[in-house]
Structure formats: structure tokens, C-alpha cells
Amino acid sequence: MNAGNDEFSVRLEDRTLVEIVRRLVEAYRPDRIYLFGSRARGTAGAESDYDLLVVVPDD
């Protein structure tokens, strides 16, 4: 996710996603986190999950 991206700013309203990202950052200090799938497209339903790709440092 790119903080400079307008789409990311809109997703900040998704408190569940914000909490997931916060916990991932705290635990793994990732280089990047990518959201994909229906939530990234804006077509998620009530039962949709969160598809994330977490890129962690080599060390």
C-alpha cells in the first residue's frame, strides 16, 4: 500500500484493515504491504476476506 495513493486514503475508513496493517507492521516491520482481490477493487461483500501480500526484509 502506498500512503501517497488516494485509494489507500479511502481505505483508511476500513477500521479492520487499519488494525490488520498496524499489527503486521508491529510484528514484522514489512517493506511493503499489498492489498488485492475484492477489497482492493472495491467489490467486497459482507463475507469477503482480506487478501494481503506482506513483503518482509531479508534480514
Protein backbone atom coordinates (compact mmCIF):
# COMPACT_ATOMS: atom_id res chain seq x y z
CA MET A 1 0.00 0.00 0.00
CA ASN A 2 1.22 3.42 -0.80
CA ALA A 3 0.34 6.20 1.64
CA GLY A 4 0.51 8.72 -1.21
CA ASN A 5 -2.19 6.89 -3.13
CA ASP A 6 -5.72 8.34 -2.98
CA GLU A 7 -7.22 4.84 -2.99
CA PHE A 8 -5.27 3.98 0.17
CA SER A 9 -6.61 7.10 1.90
CA VAL A 10 -10.17 5.97 1.17
CA ARG A 11 -9.44 2.53 2.62
CA LEU A 12 -8.36 4.07 5.90
CA GLU A 13 -12.08 4.16 6.69
CA ASP A 14 -11.95 0.34 6.91
CA ARG A 15 -11.01 0.00 10.57
CA THR A 16 -10.48 -3.74 10.32
CA LEU A 17 -7.93 -3.25 7.55
CA VAL A 18 -6.18 -0.50 9.50
CA GLU A 19 -5.91 -2.79 12.54
CA ILE A 20 -4.60 -5.70 10.46
CA VAL A 21 -1.94 -3.46 8.89
CA ARG A 22 -1.00 -2.00 12.28
CA ARG A 23 -0.43 -5.47 13.72
CA LEU A 24 1.55 -6.63 10.70
CA VAL A 25 3.80 -3.56 10.88
CA GLU A 26 4.32 -4.02 14.62
CA ALA A 27 5.15 -7.72 14.33
CA TYR A 28 7.11 -7.90 11.06
CA ARG A 29 8.26 -4.39 10.07
CA PRO A 30 7.46 -5.15 6.41
CA ASP A 31 8.96 -3.32 3.45
CA ARG A 32 5.55 -3.26 1.76
CA ILE A 33 2.01 -4.50 2.21
CA TYR A 34 -0.19 -5.02 -0.84
CA LEU A 35 -3.97 -5.36 -0.73
CA PHE A 36 -5.52 -7.24 -3.64
CA GLY A 37 -8.74 -9.02 -4.51
CA SER A 38 -12.29 -7.81 -4.00
CA ARG A 39 -11.45 -5.36 -1.21
CA ALA A 40 -8.80 -3.70 -3.37
CA ARG A 41 -11.25 -3.48 -6.26
CA GLY A 42 -13.99 -2.07 -4.04
CA THR A 43 -16.33 -5.00 -4.78
CA ALA A 44 -16.15 -6.76 -1.40
CA GLY A 45 -19.25 -8.18 0.19
CA ALA A 46 -20.06 -8.78 3.85
CA GLU A 47 -18.32 -12.19 3.82
CA SER A 48 -15.22 -11.09 1.87
CA ASP A 49 -11.79 -11.70 3.35
CA TYR A 50 -8.65 -9.56 3.20
CA ASP A 51 -6.10 -10.63 0.60
CA LEU A 52 -2.70 -9.24 1.60
CA LEU A 53 0.82 -9.78 0.35
CA VAL A 54 3.38 -8.86 3.01
CA VAL A 55 6.97 -8.25 1.86
CA VAL A 56 9.42 -8.57 4.74
CA PRO A 57 13.12 -7.64 4.83
CA ASP A 58 15.70 -10.37 4.14
CA ASP A 59 17.45 -9.99 7.48
